[in-house]
Amino acid sequence: MDVLLTGATGFVGANVARVLVADGCRVRVLARPASSLGALEGCRVEVVRGDILEPAHSDCPGRVGPEPRPRP
């Protein structure tokens, strides 16, 4: 199964990614450009840098996620 996982650079998300990989899933993670990937060290995932709130960062042909809103 192919899985796109957001939040994988955090403690919980990184552990979810590890479980998915261990279960045989191909995991692609969406990580913000400035996010550290340390929590994913040694985990066989594909990392895509981007931000769902910034459509210019997305390589996806369609929209995924909420409508963009200005950041304070």
PDB file of N, CA and C in Angstrom:
ATOM      1  N   MET A   1       0.851  -1.169   0.000  1.00  0.00           N
ATOM      2  CA  MET A   1       0.000   0.000   0.000  1.00  0.00           C
ATOM      3  C   MET A   1       0.900   1.236   0.000  1.00  0.00           C
ATOM      4  N   ASP A   2       0.520   2.254  -0.759  1.00  0.00           N
ATOM      5  CA  ASP A   2       1.219   3.537  -0.762  1.00  0.00           C
ATOM      6  C   ASP A   2       0.529   4.466   0.223  1.00  0.00           C
ATOM      7  N   VAL A   3       1.330   5.162   1.040  1.00  0.00           N
ATOM      8  CA  VAL A   3       0.780   6.033   2.074  1.00  0.00           C
ATOM      9  C   VAL A   3       1.474   7.378   2.010  1.00  0.00           C
ATOM     10  N   LEU A   4       0.687   8.467   2.075  1.00  0.00           N
ATOM     11  CA  LEU A   4       1.231   9.813   2.247  1.00  0.00           C
ATOM     12  C   LEU A   4       0.964  10.205   3.689  1.00  0.00           C
ATOM     13  N   LEU A   5       2.014  10.547   4.402  1.00  0.00           N
ATOM     14  CA  LEU A   5       1.899  10.847   5.825  1.00  0.00           C
ATOM     15  C   LEU A   5       2.367  12.266   6.092  1.00  0.00           C
ATOM     16  N   THR A   6       1.532  13.042   6.752  1.00  0.00           N
ATOM     17  CA  THR A   6       1.939  14.373   7.200  1.00  0.00           C
ATOM     18  C   THR A   6       2.217  14.281   8.695  1.00  0.00           C
ATOM     19  N   GLY A   7       3.041  15.172   9.186  1.00  0.00           N
ATOM     20  CA  GLY A   7       3.365  15.156  10.617  1.00  0.00           C
ATOM     21  C   GLY A   7       4.420  14.137  10.991  1.00  0.00           C
ATOM     22  N   ALA A   8       5.096  13.580  10.013  1.00  0.00           N
ATOM     23  CA  ALA A   8       6.046  12.501  10.277  1.00  0.00           C
ATOM     24  C   ALA A   8       7.358  12.963  10.896  1.00  0.00           C
ATOM     25  N   THR A   9       7.600  14.259  10.957  1.00  0.00           N
ATOM     26  CA  THR A   9       8.844  14.725  11.571  1.00  0.00           C
ATOM     27  C   THR A   9       8.714  14.853  13.089  1.00  0.00           C
ATOM     28  N   GLY A  10       7.515  14.671  13.600  1.00  0.00           N
ATOM     29  CA  GLY A  10       7.298  14.711  15.047  1.00  0.00           C
ATOM     30  C   GLY A  10       7.423  13.329  15.666  1.00  0.00           C
ATOM     31  N   PHE A  11       7.340  13.269  16.979  1.00  0.00           N
ATOM     32  CA  PHE A  11       7.512  12.017  17.711  1.00  0.00           C
ATOM     33  C   PHE A  11       6.479  10.969  17.306  1.00  0.00           C
ATOM     34  N   VAL A  12       5.212  11.343  17.351  1.00  0.00           N
ATOM     35  CA  VAL A  12       4.148  10.384  17.030  1.00  0.00           C
ATOM     36  C   VAL A  12       4.197  10.015  15.554  1.00  0.00           C
ATOM     37  N   GLY A  13       4.293  11.010  14.669  1.00  0.00           N
ATOM     38  CA  GLY A  13       4.299  10.756  13.238  1.00  0.00           C
ATOM     39  C   GLY A  13       5.453   9.881  12.796  1.00  0.00           C
ATOM     40  N   ALA A  14       6.636  10.091  13.365  1.00  0.00           N
ATOM     41  CA  ALA A  14       7.799   9.274  13.012  1.00  0.00           C
ATOM     42  C   ALA A  14       7.570   7.820  13.402  1.00  0.00           C
ATOM     43  N   ASN A  15       6.940   7.600  14.540  1.00  0.00           N
ATOM     44  CA  ASN A  15       6.655   6.231  14.965  1.00  0.00           C
ATOM     45  C   ASN A  15       5.559   5.595  14.118  1.00  0.00           C
ATOM     46  N   VAL A  16       4.590   6.387  13.686  1.00  0.00           N
ATOM     47  CA  VAL A  16       3.579   5.879  12.752  1.00  0.00           C
ATOM     48  C   VAL A  16       4.253   5.475  11.445  1.00  0.00           C
ATOM     49  N   ALA A  17       5.177   6.306  10.952  1.00  0.00           N
ATOM     50  CA  ALA A  17       5.913   5.983   9.724  1.00  0.00           C
ATOM     51  C   ALA A  17       6.670   4.668   9.875  1.00  0.00           C
ATOM     52  N   ARG A  18       7.324   4.467  11.004  1.00  0.00           N
ATOM     53  CA  ARG A  18       8.078   3.231  11.234  1.00  0.00           C
ATOM     54  C   ARG A  18       7.169   1.999  11.237  1.00  0.00           C
ATOM     55  N   VAL A  19       6.009   2.120  11.850  1.00  0.00           N
ATOM     56  CA  VAL A  19       5.058   1.000  11.881  1.00  0.00           C
ATOM     57  C   VAL A  19       4.565   0.697  10.467  1.00  0.00           C
ATOM     58  N   LEU A  20       4.242   1.737   9.707  1.00  0.00           N
ATOM     59  CA  LEU A  20       3.773   1.531   8.337  1.00  0.00           C
ATOM     60  C   LEU A  20       4.835   0.850   7.478  1.00  0.00           C
ATOM     61  N   VAL A  21       6.087   1.305   7.604  1.00  0.00           N
ATOM     62  CA  VAL A  21       7.185   0.688   6.846  1.00  0.00           C
ATOM     63  C   VAL A  21       7.352  -0.769   7.268  1.00  0.00           C
ATOM     64  N   ALA A  22       7.294  -1.026   8.566  1.00  0.00           N
ATOM     65  CA  ALA A  22       7.436  -2.401   9.064  1.00  0.00           C
ATOM     66  C   ALA A  22       6.313  -3.304   8.560  1.00  0.00           C
ATOM     67  N   ASP A  23       5.134  -2.709   8.309  1.00  0.00           N
ATOM     68  CA  ASP A  23       3.999  -3.477   7.790  1.00  0.00           C
ATOM     69  C   ASP A  23       4.047  -3.628   6.273  1.00  0.00           C
ATOM     70  N   GLY A  24       5.114  -3.115   5.658  1.00  0.00           N
ATOM     71  CA  GLY A  24       5.284  -3.294   4.224  1.00  0.00           C
ATOM     72  C   GLY A  24       4.753  -2.180   3.342  1.00  0.00           C
ATOM     73  N   CYS A  25       4.348  -1.073   3.936  1.00  0.00           N
ATOM     74  CA  CYS A  25       3.842   0.053   3.155  1.00  0.00           C
ATOM     75  C   CYS A  25       4.987   0.869   2.564  1.00  0.00           C
ATOM     76  N   ARG A  26       4.734   1.440   1.387  1.00  0.00           N
ATOM     77  CA  ARG A  26       5.648   2.434   0.826  1.00  0.00           C
ATOM     78  C   ARG A  26       5.168   3.773   1.342  1.00  0.00           C
ATOM     79  N   VAL A  27       6.016   4.450   2.115  1.00  0.00           N
ATOM     80  CA  VAL A  27       5.601   5.666   2.809  1.00  0.00           C
ATOM     81  C   VAL A  27       6.301   6.878   2.217  1.00  0.00           C
ATOM     82  N   ARG A  28       5.496   7.872   1.881  1.00  0.00           N
ATOM     83  CA  ARG A  28       6.001   9.171   1.445  1.00  0.00           C
ATOM     84  C   ARG A  28       5.557  10.160   2.515  1.00  0.00           C
ATOM     85  N   VAL A  29       6.492  10.971   3.009  1.00  0.00           N
ATOM     86  CA  VAL A  29       6.153  11.939   4.047  1.00  0.00           C
ATOM     87  C   VAL A  29       6.262  13.348   3.487  1.00  0.00           C
ATOM     88  N   LEU A  30       5.339  14.196   3.893  1.00  0.00           N
ATOM     89  CA  LEU A  30       5.360  15.597   3.531  1.00  0.00           C
ATOM     90  C   LEU A  30       5.936  16.358   4.718  1.00  0.00           C
ATOM     91  N   ALA A  31       7.070  17.014   4.493  1.00  0.00           N
ATOM     92  CA  ALA A  31       7.745  17.743   5.571  1.00  0.00           C
ATOM     93  C   ALA A  31       7.959  19.180   5.135  1.00  0.00           C
ATOM     94  N   ARG A  32       7.707  20.102   6.028  1.00  0.00           N
ATOM     95  CA  ARG A  32       7.956  21.507   5.722  1.00  0.00           C
ATOM     96  C   ARG A  32       9.440  21.703   5.417  1.00  0.00           C
ATOM     97  N   PRO A  33       9.747  22.682   4.569  1.00  0.00           N
ATOM     98  CA  PRO A  33      11.140  22.902   4.170  1.00  0.00           C
ATOM     99  C   PRO A  33      12.111  23.102   5.344  1.00  0.00           C
ATOM    100  N   ALA A  34      11.659  23.703   6.412  1.00  0.00           N
ATOM    101  CA  ALA A  34      12.547  23.973   7.544  1.00  0.00           C
ATOM    102  C   ALA A  34      12.534  22.879   8.610  1.00  0.00           C
ATOM    103  N   SER A  35      11.711  21.851   8.434  1.00  0.00           N
ATOM    104  CA  SER A  35      11.598  20.796   9.451  1.00  0.00           C
ATOM    105  C   SER A  35      12.839  19.915   9.484  1.00  0.00           C
ATOM    106  N   SER A  36      13.231  19.536  10.695  1.00  0.00           N
ATOM    107  CA  SER A  36      14.325  18.583  10.885  1.00  0.00           C
ATOM    108  C   SER A  36      13.813  17.183  10.581  1.00  0.00           C
ATOM    109  N   LEU A  37      14.652  16.393   9.948  1.00  0.00           N
ATOM    110  CA  LEU A  37      14.286  15.012   9.639  1.00  0.00           C
ATOM    111  C   LEU A  37      14.910  14.027  10.624  1.00  0.00           C
ATOM    112  N   GLY A  38      15.457  14.534  11.718  1.00  0.00           N
ATOM    113  CA  GLY A  38      16.128  13.687  12.699  1.00  0.00           C
ATOM    114  C   GLY A  38      15.267  12.555  13.229  1.00  0.00           C
ATOM    115  N   ALA A  39      13.973  12.802  13.426  1.00  0.00           N
ATOM    116  CA  ALA A  39      13.085  11.764  13.961  1.00  0.00           C
ATOM    117  C   ALA A  39      12.899  10.612  12.979  1.00  0.00           C
ATOM    118  N   LEU A  40      13.207  10.855  11.699  1.00  0.00           N
ATOM    119  CA  LEU A  40      13.031   9.821  10.673  1.00  0.00           C
ATOM    120  C   LEU A  40      14.337   9.119  10.313  1.00  0.00           C
ATOM    121  N   GLU A  41      15.401   9.433  11.030  1.00  0.00           N
ATOM    122  CA  GLU A  41      16.703   8.846  10.719  1.00  0.00           C
ATOM    123  C   GLU A  41      16.615   7.315  10.741  1.00  0.00           C
ATOM    124  N   GLY A  42      17.093   6.695   9.665  1.00  0.00           N
ATOM    125  CA  GLY A  42      17.087   5.240   9.563  1.00  0.00           C
ATOM    126  C   GLY A  42      15.767   4.650   9.097  1.00  0.00           C
ATOM    127  N   CYS A  43      14.761   5.497   8.885  1.00  0.00           N
ATOM    128  CA  CYS A  43      13.448   5.028   8.444  1.00  0.00           C
ATOM    129  C   CYS A  43      13.382   5.136   6.922  1.00  0.00           C
ATOM    130  N   ARG A  44      13.018   4.056   6.269  1.00  0.00           N
ATOM    131  CA  ARG A  44      13.006   4.017   4.799  1.00  0.00           C
ATOM    132  C   ARG A  44      11.719   4.637   4.262  1.00  0.00           C
ATOM    133  N   VAL A  45      11.722   5.959   4.185  1.00  0.00           N
ATOM    134  CA  VAL A  45      10.591   6.710   3.656  1.00  0.00           C
ATOM    135  C   VAL A  45      11.096   7.645   2.567  1.00  0.00           C
ATOM    136  N   GLU A  46      10.196   8.063   1.703  1.00  0.00           N
ATOM    137  CA  GLU A  46      10.505   9.093   0.721  1.00  0.00           C
ATOM    138  C   GLU A  46      10.057  10.421   1.312  1.00  0.00           C
ATOM    139  N   VAL A  47      10.941  11.398   1.317  1.00  0.00           N
ATOM    140  CA  VAL A  47      10.627  12.706   1.886  1.00  0.00           C
ATOM    141  C   VAL A  47      10.331  13.687   0.759  1.00  0.00           C
ATOM    142  N   VAL A  48       9.181  14.339   0.866  1.00  0.00           N
ATOM    143  CA  VAL A  48       8.808  15.413  -0.051  1.00  0.00           C
ATOM    144  C   VAL A  48       8.728  16.678   0.780  1.00  0.00           C
ATOM    145  N   ARG A  49       9.487  17.692   0.378  1.00  0.00           N
ATOM    146  CA  ARG A  49       9.464  18.963   1.104  1.00  0.00           C
ATOM    147  C   ARG A  49       8.348  19.830   0.556  1.00  0.00           C
ATOM    148  N   GLY A  50       7.532  20.366   1.443  1.00  0.00           N
ATOM    149  CA  GLY A  50       6.449  21.243   1.025  1.00  0.00           C
ATOM    150  C   GLY A  50       5.597  21.630   2.216  1.00  0.00           C
ATOM    151  N   ASP A  51       4.581  22.424   1.946  1.00  0.00           N
ATOM    152  CA  ASP A  51       3.691  22.923   2.986  1.00  0.00           C
ATOM    153  C   ASP A  51       2.292  22.979   2.382  1.00  0.00           C
ATOM    154  N   ILE A  52       1.341  22.250   2.934  1.00  0.00           N
ATOM    155  CA  ILE A  52       0.003  22.230   2.345  1.00  0.00           C
ATOM    156  C   ILE A  52      -0.682  23.588   2.430  1.00  0.00           C
ATOM    157  N   LEU A  53      -0.189  24.471   3.271  1.00  0.00           N
ATOM    158  CA  LEU A  53      -0.759  25.812   3.352  1.00  0.00           C
ATOM    159  C   LEU A  53      -0.158  26.753   2.312  1.00  0.00           C
ATOM    160  N   GLU A  54       0.872  26.304   1.615  1.00  0.00           N
ATOM    161  CA  GLU A  54       1.532  27.099   0.577  1.00  0.00           C
ATOM    162  C   GLU A  54       1.480  26.322  -0.734  1.00  0.00           C
ATOM    163  N   PRO A  55       0.457  26.554  -1.574  1.00  0.00           N
ATOM    164  CA  PRO A  55       0.316  25.782  -2.810  1.00  0.00           C
ATOM    165  C   PRO A  55       1.545  25.853  -3.720  1.00  0.00           C
ATOM    166  N   ALA A  56       2.319  26.916  -3.653  1.00  0.00           N
ATOM    167  CA  ALA A  56       3.517  27.034  -4.495  1.00  0.00           C
ATOM    168  C   ALA A  56       4.543  25.962  -4.156  1.00  0.00           C
ATOM    169  N   HIS A  57       4.497  25.396  -2.955  1.00  0.00           N
ATOM    170  CA  HIS A  57       5.432  24.352  -2.544  1.00  0.00           C
ATOM    171  C   HIS A  57       4.996  22.973  -2.997  1.00  0.00           C
ATOM    172  N   SER A  58       3.760  22.851  -3.448  1.00  0.00           N
ATOM    173  CA  SER A  58       3.208  21.532  -3.741  1.00  0.00           C
ATOM    174  C   SER A  58       3.497  21.105  -5.171  1.00  0.00           C
ATOM    175  N   ASP A  59       3.942  19.853  -5.338  1.00  0.00           N
ATOM    176  CA  ASP A  59       4.119  19.264  -6.662  1.00  0.00           C
ATOM    177  C   ASP A  59       2.845  18.541  -7.098  1.00  0.00           C
ATOM    178  N   CYS A  60       1.817  18.580  -6.272  1.00  0.00           N
ATOM    179  CA  CYS A  60       0.583  17.876  -6.570  1.00  0.00           C
ATOM    180  C   CYS A  60      -0.229  18.645  -7.610  1.00  0.00           C
ATOM    181  N   PRO A  61      -0.829  17.947  -8.574  1.00  0.00           N
ATOM    182  CA  PRO A  61      -1.616  18.637  -9.579  1.00  0.00           C
ATOM    183  C   PRO A  61      -2.930  19.183  -9.042  1.00  0.00           C
ATOM    184  N   GLY A  62      -3.473  18.597  -7.998  1.00  0.00           N
ATOM    185  CA  GLY A  62      -4.728  19.064  -7.413  1.00  0.00           C
ATOM    186  C   GLY A  62      -4.500  19.569  -6.003  1.00  0.00           C
ATOM    187  N   ARG A  63      -5.487  20.233  -5.462  1.00  0.00           N
ATOM    188  CA  ARG A  63      -5.349  20.742  -4.104  1.00  0.00           C
ATOM    189  C   ARG A  63      -5.569  19.624  -3.104  1.00  0.00           C
ATOM    190  N   VAL A  64      -4.765  19.637  -2.074  1.00  0.00           N
ATOM    191  CA  VAL A  64      -4.981  18.764  -0.932  1.00  0.00           C
ATOM    192  C   VAL A  64      -4.900  19.638   0.298  1.00  0.00           C
ATOM    193  N   GLY A  65      -5.821  19.485   1.182  1.00  0.00           N
ATOM    194  CA  GLY A  65      -5.767  20.261   2.416  1.00  0.00           C
ATOM    195  C   GLY A  65      -6.650  21.491   2.367  1.00  0.00           C
ATOM    196  N   PRO A  66      -6.553  22.287   3.408  1.00  0.00           N
ATOM    197  CA  PRO A  66      -7.437  23.446   3.549  1.00  0.00           C
ATOM    198  C   PRO A  66      -7.048  24.560   2.588  1.00  0.00           C
ATOM    199  N   GLU A  67      -7.949  25.519   2.435  1.00  0.00           N
ATOM    200  CA  GLU A  67      -7.649  26.702   1.647  1.00  0.00           C
ATOM    201  C   GLU A  67      -6.515  27.452   2.333  1.00  0.00           C
ATOM    202  N   PRO A  68      -5.584  27.996   1.560  1.00  0.00           N
ATOM    203  CA  PRO A  68      -4.487  28.751   2.171  1.00  0.00           C
ATOM    204  C   PRO A  68      -5.012  29.976   2.894  1.00  0.00           C
ATOM    205  N   ARG A  69      -4.376  30.319   3.978  1.00  0.00           N
ATOM    206  CA  ARG A  69      -4.728  31.539   4.706  1.00  0.00           C
ATOM    207  C   ARG A  69      -3.434  32.246   5.053  1.00  0.00           C
ATOM    208  N   PRO A  70      -3.475  33.551   5.141  1.00  0.00           N
ATOM    209  CA  PRO A  70      -2.235  34.289   5.448  1.00  0.00           C
ATOM    210  C   PRO A  70      -1.710  33.911   6.831  1.00  0.00           C
ATOM    211  N   ARG A  71      -0.416  33.820   6.914  1.00  0.00           N
ATOM    212  CA  ARG A  71       0.203  33.545   8.209  1.00  0.00           C
ATOM    213  C   ARG A  71       0.496  34.857   8.910  1.00  0.00           C
ATOM    214  N   PRO A  72       0.331  34.870  10.226  1.00  0.00           N
ATOM    215  CA  PRO A  72       0.600  36.128  10.977  1.00  0.00           C
ATOM    216  C   PRO A  72       2.055  36.510  10.921  1.00  0.00           C
TER     217      PRO A  72
END
